[in-house]
Amino acid sequence: MSLLRSWKDLHESRTRLEQGGVTQPFGWVQSLEVINHYVLLPGTIQLSKLNLLFGMNNSGKTRLLHLLRSLASPNLLMDSGYPADLSCAITWFDPAHRKAVVRVEGESLEYHVDGRRVPLPPRPYRVLTFGPDSYVANALRAGAPTVSGVARFLGIDPWAARTVITSMSELLPDVIADLSVEGDHVRVSYQQGRRRGQDGPRWDFWFYSLVVFAELQARAEPTILVLDEPLTYVHPMAQRKMLELFESAAWTFQTILTEHSLVAYARRMHGWSASVLMPEPKNRSRISQDYADLERIAAD
């Protein structure tokens, strides 16, 4: 059932893009197949526009994401500090289906694209990765949002950060009521029903800037936004609002979230494709999109 839902979500996402004049979800990953791995058992994860990945600590979520990022950052496989003996296959849209097989044996790294060996990894998409430490640092920031703060948060230069900030009103008209930049300082107010002015917690501004940055990047090149447990320090009501933010049909980037949150688990019925890493003997994990396994992980 979960697999069928995944393909339904992908079809709906492709339909939305076709209506916007794009014939395929260019650069989105369709599937990731683990062939050989020291933590993950062989298996395949089917991906759509919105993806949730659940699993206990040390279940291999980060290792699975390293495989996904191997076409953009091969050093993640070669400098992991773990035994280097693995292989995987990644299928993406370009706009037709393309397939890359990645093999690591000791210090040797090989890429085969559409059955042909290539000297360098293809780069069909860019992966934007953000972990929980960056969210915490910015959510607890004492001062008002600043251009330099956004630049540090997103890992970009201040000029690009200013572009992201000034684009927020256009890309988030239902959220942002008014926004101005004066030097390094940012003044923002929100639409009715959202937090008003500069009072209260400021985690929301950072997530808004993150989504706008991902969308602007996606308009330049195919982009996958990977968030590693972003809801850990966010109130459950705010968690739901943040997930709803990513569910907008307007975004053209692909999203993958790793989570423990029960709020995120409940959102799998709102357009998210859900996968889980199930613990197996010998400290290994099995990839599953089976409904029964997803129910089991929620019960645990």
Protein backbone atom coordinates (compact mmCIF):
# COMPACT_ATOMS: atom_id res chain seq x y z
CA MET A 1 0.00 0.00 0.00
CA SER A 2 2.79 2.40 0.90
CA LEU A 3 4.59 1.65 -2.37
CA LEU A 4 1.42 2.29 -4.36
CA ARG A 5 0.96 5.57 -2.49
CA SER A 6 4.52 6.51 -3.35
CA TRP A 7 3.92 6.06 -7.06
CA LYS A 8 0.60 7.91 -6.77
CA ASP A 9 2.40 10.86 -5.18
CA LEU A 10 5.06 10.83 -7.89
CA HIS A 11 2.41 10.76 -10.61
CA GLU A 12 0.59 13.71 -9.03
CA SER A 13 3.83 15.67 -8.70
CA ARG A 14 4.71 14.99 -12.34
CA THR A 15 1.22 16.08 -13.39
CA ARG A 16 1.61 19.38 -11.55
CA LEU A 17 4.94 20.00 -13.26
CA GLU A 18 3.51 19.11 -16.68
CA GLN A 19 0.75 21.66 -16.16
CA GLY A 20 3.48 24.21 -15.51
CA GLY A 21 5.18 23.42 -18.81
CA VAL A 22 7.76 20.93 -17.47
CA THR A 23 7.46 17.48 -19.02
CA GLN A 24 9.29 15.57 -16.25
CA PRO A 25 10.43 16.14 -12.65
CA PHE A 26 13.92 16.82 -14.03
CA GLY A 27 16.67 15.76 -11.65
CA TRP A 28 14.44 14.10 -9.08
CA VAL A 29 15.54 10.69 -7.86
CA GLN A 30 13.06 7.92 -8.62
CA SER A 31 14.71 5.14 -6.64
CA LEU A 32 17.76 4.19 -4.62
CA GLU A 33 18.75 0.53 -4.57
CA VAL A 34 21.20 -0.78 -1.99
CA ILE A 35 23.12 -3.64 -3.60
CA ASN A 36 25.87 -4.25 -1.07
CA HIS A 37 26.47 -2.40 2.21
CA TYR A 38 28.05 -3.01 5.61
CA VAL A 39 25.00 -1.67 7.51
CA LEU A 40 22.06 -1.86 5.09
CA LEU A 41 20.66 -5.08 3.68
CA PRO A 42 19.93 -5.17 -0.08
CA GLY A 43 16.71 -3.35 -0.88
CA THR A 44 15.14 -0.50 -2.81
CA ILE A 45 13.50 2.74 -1.72
CA GLN A 46 11.08 4.40 -4.15
CA LEU A 47 11.03 8.19 -3.88
CA SER A 48 8.43 10.82 -4.75
CA LYS A 49 8.42 14.59 -4.29
CA LEU A 50 7.98 14.41 -0.49
CA ASN A 51 9.71 11.65 1.45
CA LEU A 52 9.89 10.66 5.12
CA LEU A 53 12.54 8.25 6.39
CA PHE A 54 12.04 6.73 9.83
CA GLY A 55 14.37 4.60 11.90
CA MET A 56 15.88 4.19 15.34
CA ASN A 57 19.22 5.77 16.22
CA ASN A 58 22.15 3.96 14.54
CA SER A 59 19.78 2.25 12.10
CA GLY A 60 21.68 3.57 9.07
CA LYS A 61 19.61 6.61 8.04
CA THR A 62 22.71 8.75 7.59
CA ARG A 63 24.48 5.98 5.64
CA LEU A 64 21.49 5.70 3.33
CA LEU A 65 21.60 9.45 2.70
CA HIS A 66 25.33 9.19 1.97
CA LEU A 67 24.49 6.80 -0.87
CA LEU A 68 21.96 9.26 -2.23
CA ARG A 69 24.53 12.07 -2.08
CA SER A 70 27.29 9.97 -3.66
CA LEU A 71 26.66 11.44 -7.13
CA ALA A 72 27.28 14.95 -5.79
CA SER A 73 29.76 14.25 -2.94
CA PRO A 74 31.68 10.99 -3.47
CA ASN A 75 34.00 11.79 -0.55
CA LEU A 76 31.13 10.83 1.77
CA LEU A 77 31.66 7.23 0.71
CA MET A 78 35.45 7.29 0.59
CA ASP A 79 36.10 9.24 3.81
CA SER A 80 33.41 7.68 5.99
CA GLY A 81 35.84 5.90 8.31
CA TYR A 82 33.96 2.61 7.78
CA PRO A 83 34.97 -0.45 5.73
CA ALA A 84 34.75 0.65 2.11
CA ASP A 85 32.98 -2.17 0.30
CA LEU A 86 29.59 -1.19 -1.03
CA SER A 87 27.50 -0.62 -4.13
CA CYS A 88 24.20 1.02 -4.98
CA ALA A 89 22.11 2.04 -7.97
CA ILE A 90 20.40 5.43 -8.33
CA THR A 91 17.68 6.11 -10.90
CA TRP A 92 16.65 9.66 -11.75
CA PHE A 93 14.78 11.66 -14.42
CA ASP A 94 16.90 13.44 -17.06
CA PRO A 95 14.08 13.84 -18.31
CA ALA A 96 13.89 10.16 -19.25
CA HIS A 97 15.02 7.55 -16.75
CA ARG A 98 18.78 7.40 -16.14
CA LYS A 99 20.65 4.97 -13.92
CA ALA A 100 24.00 5.20 -12.17
CA VAL A 101 25.67 2.28 -10.40
CA VAL A 102 28.21 3.25 -7.73
CA ARG A 103 30.79 0.71 -6.56
CA VAL A 104 33.38 1.10 -3.82
CA GLU A 105 36.03 -1.56 -3.25
CA GLY A 106 38.74 -0.52 -0.84
CA GLU A 107 40.17 2.71 -2.24
CA SER A 108 38.59 2.21 -5.66
CA LEU A 109 35.45 4.15 -6.63
CA GLU A 110 33.68 3.40 -9.91
CA TYR A 111 30.64 4.90 -11.63
CA HIS A 112 28.63 3.27 -14.39
CA VAL A 113 25.95 5.37 -16.06
CA ASP A 114 23.36 3.63 -18.24
CA GLY A 115 25.64 0.59 -18.38
CA ARG A 116 28.78 2.51 -19.39
CA ARG A 117 31.73 3.22 -17.12
CA VAL A 118 32.47 6.94 -16.71
CA PRO A 119 35.60 8.54 -15.19
CA LEU A 120 33.75 11.09 -13.04
CA PRO A 121 30.45 10.92 -11.18
CA PRO A 122 27.46 12.42 -12.97
CA ARG A 123 25.83 15.34 -11.22
CA PRO A 124 22.14 15.12 -12.13
CA TYR A 125 21.07 16.99 -8.99
CA ARG A 126 22.41 19.06 -6.13
CA VAL A 127 21.80 17.90 -2.56
CA LEU A 128 21.22 20.54 0.12
CA THR A 129 21.76 18.92 3.52
CA PHE A 130 20.98 20.43 6.91
CA GLY A 131 21.33 18.70 10.27
CA PRO A 132 19.73 19.34 13.67
CA ASP A 133 22.67 21.31 15.08
CA SER A 134 22.15 24.16 12.62
CA TYR A 135 18.43 24.31 13.43
CA VAL A 136 19.10 24.49 17.17
CA ALA A 137 21.73 27.19 16.82
CA ASN A 138 19.41 29.45 14.85
CA ALA A 139 16.16 28.66 16.69
CA LEU A 140 17.77 29.80 19.94
CA ARG A 141 19.37 32.88 18.43
CA ALA A 142 18.72 35.82 20.78
CA GLY A 143 18.65 38.66 18.27
CA ALA A 144 16.40 39.41 15.34
CA PRO A 145 17.10 37.74 11.95
CA THR A 146 20.09 39.16 10.10
CA VAL A 147 21.56 38.79 6.63
CA SER A 148 24.82 37.46 8.07
CA GLY A 149 22.89 34.98 10.22
CA VAL A 150 21.01 33.60 7.22
CA ALA A 151 24.29 33.40 5.30
CA ARG A 152 25.85 31.28 8.06
CA PHE A 153 22.76 29.12 8.40
CA LEU A 154 22.53 28.33 4.69
CA GLY A 155 26.28 28.21 4.09
CA ILE A 156 26.19 30.90 1.40
CA ASP A 157 27.72 34.35 1.01
CA PRO A 158 25.86 37.43 2.31
CA TRP A 159 24.91 38.64 -1.17
CA ALA A 160 23.13 35.36 -1.89
CA ALA A 161 21.55 35.43 1.58
CA ARG A 162 20.14 38.89 0.89
CA THR A 163 18.60 37.56 -2.33
CA VAL A 164 17.00 34.71 -0.41
CA ILE A 165 15.57 37.08 2.19
CA THR A 166 14.19 39.59 -0.30
CA SER A 167 12.54 36.73 -2.23
CA MET A 168 10.60 35.50 0.80
CA SER A 169 7.65 37.89 0.34
CA GLU A 170 7.22 36.79 -3.29
CA LEU A 171 7.53 33.06 -2.68
CA LEU A 172 5.63 33.00 0.62
CA PRO A 173 2.79 35.53 0.11
CA ASP A 174 0.47 33.62 2.45
CA VAL A 175 3.06 33.77 5.22
CA ILE A 176 4.98 37.04 4.95
CA ALA A 177 3.02 40.28 5.40
CA ASP A 178 5.93 42.68 5.21
CA LEU A 179 9.71 42.36 5.01
CA SER A 180 12.55 44.85 4.71
CA VAL A 181 16.34 44.72 4.87
CA GLU A 182 18.32 47.59 6.37
CA GLY A 183 22.02 46.87 6.22
CA ASP A 184 22.44 43.59 8.06
CA HIS A 185 19.11 43.78 9.88
CA VAL A 186 15.91 42.09 8.73
CA ARG A 187 12.46 43.27 9.77
CA VAL A 188 9.60 40.87 9.13
CA SER A 189 5.92 40.66 10.01
CA TYR A 190 3.59 37.78 9.26
CA GLN A 191 0.11 37.38 7.86
CA GLN A 192 -2.82 37.07 10.24
CA GLY A 193 -2.91 33.65 11.86
CA ARG A 194 0.90 33.47 11.91
CA ARG A 195 3.24 34.82 14.56
CA ARG A 196 3.23 38.61 14.32
CA GLY A 197 6.19 40.99 14.48
CA GLN A 198 9.41 40.08 16.27
CA ASP A 199 7.92 38.49 19.41
CA GLY A 200 8.04 34.84 20.39
CA PRO A 201 10.25 32.01 19.10
CA ARG A 202 12.04 32.61 15.81
CA TRP A 203 12.51 29.06 14.50
CA ASP A 204 9.94 29.73 11.77
CA PHE A 205 11.96 32.41 9.98
CA TRP A 206 14.87 29.99 9.51
CA PHE A 207 12.66 27.31 8.01
CA TYR A 208 11.08 29.88 5.71
CA SER A 209 14.51 31.02 4.53
CA LEU A 210 15.52 27.39 4.02
CA VAL A 211 12.51 26.63 1.81
CA VAL A 212 12.99 29.79 -0.26
CA PHE A 213 16.69 29.01 -0.69
CA ALA A 214 15.86 25.48 -1.88
CA GLU A 215 13.31 26.80 -4.37
CA LEU A 216 15.66 29.43 -5.78
CA GLN A 217 18.36 26.78 -6.12
CA ALA A 218 15.91 24.41 -7.84
CA ARG A 219 15.20 27.07 -10.45
CA ALA A 220 18.91 27.06 -11.32
CA GLU A 221 19.57 23.29 -11.17
CA PRO A 222 17.73 20.15 -9.96
CA THR A 223 17.76 20.17 -6.17
CA ILE A 224 17.07 17.67 -3.39
CA LEU A 225 16.60 19.10 0.09
CA VAL A 226 17.68 16.64 2.80
CA LEU A 227 16.78 17.50 6.41
CA ASP A 228 18.17 15.32 9.17
CA GLU A 229 15.71 15.31 12.09
CA PRO A 230 14.68 18.99 11.74
CA LEU A 231 11.75 18.65 14.17
CA THR A 232 13.72 17.50 17.21
CA TYR A 233 13.54 20.82 19.07
CA VAL A 234 10.24 22.12 17.65
CA HIS A 235 6.88 22.08 19.45
CA PRO A 236 4.40 19.53 18.00
CA MET A 237 2.00 22.24 16.76
CA ALA A 238 4.89 24.00 15.06
CA GLN A 239 6.06 20.67 13.61
CA ARG A 240 2.78 20.29 11.76
CA LYS A 241 2.99 23.83 10.37
CA MET A 242 6.55 23.25 9.20
CA LEU A 243 5.59 20.02 7.40
CA GLU A 244 2.62 21.75 5.79
CA LEU A 245 5.05 24.37 4.50
CA PHE A 246 6.95 21.72 2.52
CA GLU A 247 3.69 20.29 1.13
CA SER A 248 3.04 23.30 -1.09
CA ALA A 249 2.52 22.33 -4.73
CA ALA A 250 4.48 25.42 -5.76
CA TRP A 251 7.90 23.99 -4.84
CA THR A 252 9.97 22.34 -7.56
CA PHE A 253 12.60 20.74 -5.31
CA GLN A 254 12.46 17.21 -3.93
CA THR A 255 12.41 16.81 -0.14
CA ILE A 256 13.69 14.01 2.09
CA LEU A 257 13.27 14.18 5.88
CA THR A 258 14.68 11.75 8.42
CA GLU A 259 12.56 11.80 11.55
CA HIS A 260 11.47 10.26 14.85
CA SER A 261 8.51 12.62 15.26
CA LEU A 262 5.01 11.14 15.59
CA VAL A 263 3.71 14.34 14.00
CA ALA A 264 5.78 13.59 10.90
CA TYR A 265 4.57 9.99 11.01
CA ALA A 266 0.95 11.21 10.89
CA ARG A 267 1.70 13.43 7.85
CA ARG A 268 2.48 10.38 5.71
CA MET A 269 -1.21 10.49 4.74
CA HIS A 270 -0.78 14.00 3.31
CA GLY A 271 1.32 13.36 0.22
CA TRP A 272 4.50 12.06 1.86
CA SER A 273 6.01 8.73 0.84
CA ALA A 274 7.18 6.93 3.97
CA SER A 275 10.07 4.48 4.38
CA VAL A 276 11.51 2.83 7.46
CA LEU A 277 14.78 1.12 8.36
CA MET A 278 13.88 -2.03 10.29
CA PRO A 279 16.47 -3.53 12.68
CA GLU A 280 17.81 -6.96 11.73
CA PRO A 281 20.39 -9.30 13.34
CA LYS A 282 24.11 -8.44 13.31
CA ASN A 283 23.44 -4.69 13.64
CA ARG A 284 22.06 -4.36 10.13
CA SER A 285 18.88 -2.73 8.85
CA ARG A 286 16.32 -3.55 6.19
CA ILE A 287 14.72 -0.89 3.98
CA SER A 288 10.94 -1.16 3.93
CA GLN A 289 7.97 0.77 2.59
CA ASP A 290 5.55 -1.88 3.77
CA TYR A 291 2.53 -0.61 5.69
CA ALA A 292 2.91 -3.23 8.44
CA ASP A 293 6.54 -2.24 9.09
CA LEU A 294 5.57 1.42 9.29
CA GLU A 295 2.91 0.54 11.85
CA ARG A 296 5.46 -1.44 13.86
CA ILE A 297 7.96 1.41 14.01
CA ALA A 298 5.23 3.76 15.26
CA ALA A 299 4.27 1.29 18.00
CA ASP A 300 7.90 1.06 19.15
